[in-house]
C-alpha cells in the first residue's frame, strides 16, 4: 500500500512586503521545521520521495527535513 504524507511549511516571515512565493521561513519556522522533522522520521519508511512547491518557504522546509533525515 502506498501512503501520501503532506506536511505544510513552517511559520513564514511577514516582515517585508514580498509576494507569497518569495517569503522565507522566520526564526520560529526554522526551529519548528527541524523539530518536526526529527519527530517525523520515526514514522516514515526508509525509502521515500519528497516534493516541494517552488515557494522559498516550501523549499527551505523540505531542505531542513532532508538534513534531519540524513542525520538519522
N, C-alpha and C. Protein backbone atom coordinates (compact mmCIF):
# COMPACT_ATOMS: atom_id res chain seq x y z
N UNK A 1 0.84 -1.17 0.00
CA UNK A 1 0.00 0.00 0.00
C UNK A 1 0.89 1.25 0.00
N UNK A 2 0.50 2.25 -0.75
CA UNK A 2 1.24 3.50 -0.81
C UNK A 2 0.58 4.52 0.11
N UNK A 3 1.39 5.34 0.70
CA UNK A 3 0.91 6.39 1.60
C UNK A 3 1.35 7.74 1.08
N UNK A 4 0.54 8.73 1.32
CA UNK A 4 0.88 10.11 1.00
C UNK A 4 0.86 10.89 2.31
N UNK A 5 1.98 11.49 2.64
CA UNK A 5 2.07 12.31 3.84
C UNK A 5 2.29 13.74 3.39
N UNK A 6 1.42 14.63 3.82
CA UNK A 6 1.50 16.03 3.44
C UNK A 6 1.93 16.83 4.67
N UNK A 7 2.97 17.62 4.48
CA UNK A 7 3.47 18.46 5.57
C UNK A 7 3.47 19.89 5.08
N UNK A 8 2.83 20.74 5.82
CA UNK A 8 2.77 22.16 5.47
C UNK A 8 4.05 22.84 5.93
N UNK A 9 4.44 23.88 5.22
CA UNK A 9 5.63 24.63 5.61
C UNK A 9 5.45 25.22 7.00
N UNK A 10 6.56 25.47 7.65
CA UNK A 10 6.54 26.09 8.98
C UNK A 10 6.22 27.58 8.86
N UNK A 11 6.21 28.27 9.98
CA UNK A 11 5.84 29.69 10.01
C UNK A 11 6.76 30.52 9.12
N UNK A 12 6.13 31.33 8.29
CA UNK A 12 6.90 32.18 7.39
C UNK A 12 6.92 33.62 7.88
N UNK A 13 7.84 34.39 7.33
CA UNK A 13 8.04 35.77 7.74
C UNK A 13 7.12 36.71 6.96
N UNK A 14 6.55 37.66 7.69
CA UNK A 14 5.72 38.69 7.07
C UNK A 14 6.37 40.06 7.24
N UNK A 15 7.67 40.08 7.56
CA UNK A 15 8.36 41.34 7.85
C UNK A 15 8.50 42.25 6.64
N UNK A 16 8.74 41.69 5.49
CA UNK A 16 8.95 42.50 4.29
C UNK A 16 7.75 42.34 3.34
N UNK A 17 7.47 43.37 2.57
CA UNK A 17 6.36 43.28 1.60
C UNK A 17 6.77 42.46 0.38
N UNK A 18 6.69 41.14 0.51
CA UNK A 18 7.08 40.24 -0.57
C UNK A 18 5.86 39.49 -1.11
N UNK A 19 6.01 38.96 -2.31
CA UNK A 19 4.99 38.05 -2.82
C UNK A 19 5.01 36.80 -1.94
N UNK A 20 3.91 36.12 -1.85
CA UNK A 20 3.82 34.92 -1.02
C UNK A 20 4.87 33.89 -1.40
N UNK A 21 5.13 33.72 -2.67
CA UNK A 21 6.09 32.71 -3.14
C UNK A 21 7.52 33.04 -2.72
N UNK A 22 7.81 34.31 -2.46
CA UNK A 22 9.16 34.75 -2.10
C UNK A 22 9.40 34.86 -0.59
N UNK A 23 8.38 34.64 0.20
CA UNK A 23 8.51 34.81 1.65
C UNK A 23 9.30 33.65 2.26
N UNK A 24 10.33 33.95 3.08
CA UNK A 24 11.11 32.89 3.71
C UNK A 24 10.48 32.44 5.03
N UNK A 25 11.03 31.39 5.61
CA UNK A 25 10.63 30.99 6.95
C UNK A 25 11.22 31.99 7.94
N UNK A 26 10.51 32.24 9.03
CA UNK A 26 11.09 33.09 10.07
C UNK A 26 11.86 32.21 11.05
N UNK A 27 12.46 32.80 12.08
CA UNK A 27 13.29 32.04 13.03
C UNK A 27 12.50 30.92 13.70
N UNK A 28 11.28 31.22 14.10
CA UNK A 28 10.45 30.18 14.72
C UNK A 28 10.17 29.04 13.73
N UNK A 29 9.92 29.39 12.47
CA UNK A 29 9.65 28.40 11.45
C UNK A 29 10.84 27.48 11.21
N UNK A 30 12.04 28.03 11.25
CA UNK A 30 13.25 27.23 11.08
C UNK A 30 13.39 26.23 12.22
N UNK A 31 13.22 26.71 13.45
CA UNK A 31 13.32 25.83 14.62
C UNK A 31 12.24 24.75 14.57
N UNK A 32 11.02 25.14 14.23
CA UNK A 32 9.91 24.19 14.17
C UNK A 32 10.12 23.14 13.08
N UNK A 33 10.66 23.55 11.94
CA UNK A 33 10.90 22.60 10.84
C UNK A 33 11.87 21.52 11.28
N UNK A 34 12.94 21.91 11.95
CA UNK A 34 13.91 20.93 12.46
C UNK A 34 13.26 20.02 13.51
N UNK A 35 12.51 20.61 14.41
CA UNK A 35 11.89 19.84 15.49
C UNK A 35 10.88 18.83 14.96
N UNK A 36 10.05 19.23 14.04
CA UNK A 36 9.04 18.34 13.48
C UNK A 36 9.70 17.26 12.62
N UNK A 37 10.74 17.63 11.88
CA UNK A 37 11.43 16.64 11.05
C UNK A 37 12.02 15.52 11.90
N UNK A 38 12.59 15.86 13.04
CA UNK A 38 13.16 14.84 13.92
C UNK A 38 12.09 13.89 14.45
N UNK A 39 10.89 14.39 14.65
CA UNK A 39 9.79 13.53 15.11
C UNK A 39 9.20 12.72 13.96
N UNK A 40 9.13 13.31 12.78
CA UNK A 40 8.50 12.66 11.63
C UNK A 40 9.31 11.48 11.11
N UNK A 41 10.63 11.54 11.25
CA UNK A 41 11.49 10.49 10.70
C UNK A 41 11.14 9.12 11.28
N UNK A 42 10.63 9.08 12.48
CA UNK A 42 10.26 7.81 13.12
C UNK A 42 9.07 7.14 12.43
N UNK A 43 8.28 7.92 11.71
CA UNK A 43 7.04 7.43 11.12
C UNK A 43 7.12 7.20 9.61
N UNK A 44 8.29 7.45 9.04
CA UNK A 44 8.45 7.31 7.59
C UNK A 44 9.22 6.04 7.24
N UNK A 45 8.94 5.48 6.07
CA UNK A 45 9.72 4.31 5.63
C UNK A 45 11.16 4.73 5.32
N UNK A 46 12.03 3.75 5.15
CA UNK A 46 13.44 4.06 4.86
C UNK A 46 13.60 4.76 3.52
N UNK A 47 12.81 4.37 2.54
CA UNK A 47 12.88 4.98 1.21
C UNK A 47 11.61 5.75 0.92
N UNK A 48 11.75 7.00 0.57
CA UNK A 48 10.59 7.82 0.25
C UNK A 48 11.03 8.98 -0.62
N UNK A 49 10.08 9.64 -1.22
CA UNK A 49 10.33 10.82 -2.05
C UNK A 49 9.76 12.05 -1.37
N UNK A 50 10.42 13.17 -1.55
CA UNK A 50 9.90 14.44 -1.06
C UNK A 50 9.70 15.36 -2.25
N UNK A 51 8.60 16.03 -2.27
CA UNK A 51 8.31 17.02 -3.28
C UNK A 51 8.02 18.34 -2.59
N UNK A 52 8.33 19.43 -3.23
CA UNK A 52 8.09 20.75 -2.65
C UNK A 52 7.54 21.68 -3.72
N UNK A 53 6.83 22.68 -3.25
CA UNK A 53 6.41 23.74 -4.16
C UNK A 53 7.65 24.56 -4.53
N UNK A 54 7.49 25.51 -5.39
CA UNK A 54 8.61 26.38 -5.77
C UNK A 54 8.74 27.59 -4.84
N UNK A 55 7.86 27.68 -3.86
CA UNK A 55 7.93 28.79 -2.90
C UNK A 55 9.17 28.63 -2.02
N UNK A 56 9.82 29.75 -1.69
CA UNK A 56 11.04 29.70 -0.87
C UNK A 56 10.80 29.00 0.45
N UNK A 57 9.67 29.30 1.10
CA UNK A 57 9.38 28.69 2.40
C UNK A 57 9.20 27.18 2.28
N UNK A 58 8.63 26.72 1.19
CA UNK A 58 8.44 25.29 0.98
C UNK A 58 9.75 24.57 0.70
N UNK A 59 10.59 25.19 -0.12
CA UNK A 59 11.90 24.60 -0.44
C UNK A 59 12.77 24.53 0.81
N UNK A 60 12.80 25.61 1.59
CA UNK A 60 13.60 25.63 2.82
C UNK A 60 13.11 24.55 3.79
N UNK A 61 11.80 24.47 3.94
CA UNK A 61 11.23 23.46 4.84
C UNK A 61 11.65 22.06 4.40
N UNK A 62 11.58 21.79 3.12
CA UNK A 62 11.97 20.50 2.57
C UNK A 62 13.46 20.24 2.81
N UNK A 63 14.29 21.25 2.66
CA UNK A 63 15.72 21.11 2.91
C UNK A 63 16.00 20.80 4.38
N UNK A 64 15.30 21.45 5.28
CA UNK A 64 15.50 21.17 6.71
C UNK A 64 15.10 19.74 7.04
N UNK A 65 14.01 19.27 6.43
CA UNK A 65 13.61 17.89 6.64
C UNK A 65 14.68 16.94 6.12
N UNK A 66 15.19 17.20 4.93
CA UNK A 66 16.22 16.34 4.34
C UNK A 66 17.47 16.29 5.22
N UNK A 67 17.88 17.42 5.75
CA UNK A 67 19.05 17.47 6.64
C UNK A 67 18.83 16.59 7.87
N UNK A 68 17.67 16.68 8.46
CA UNK A 68 17.40 15.92 9.68
C UNK A 68 17.23 14.44 9.39
N UNK A 69 16.71 14.07 8.24
CA UNK A 69 16.57 12.67 7.90
C UNK A 69 17.94 12.05 7.63
N UNK A 70 18.83 12.82 7.06
CA UNK A 70 20.17 12.34 6.76
C UNK A 70 20.92 12.02 8.06
N UNK A 71 20.72 12.85 9.07
CA UNK A 71 21.37 12.65 10.37
C UNK A 71 20.95 11.33 10.99
N UNK A 72 19.69 10.98 10.83
CA UNK A 72 19.17 9.75 11.44
C UNK A 72 19.78 8.57 10.77
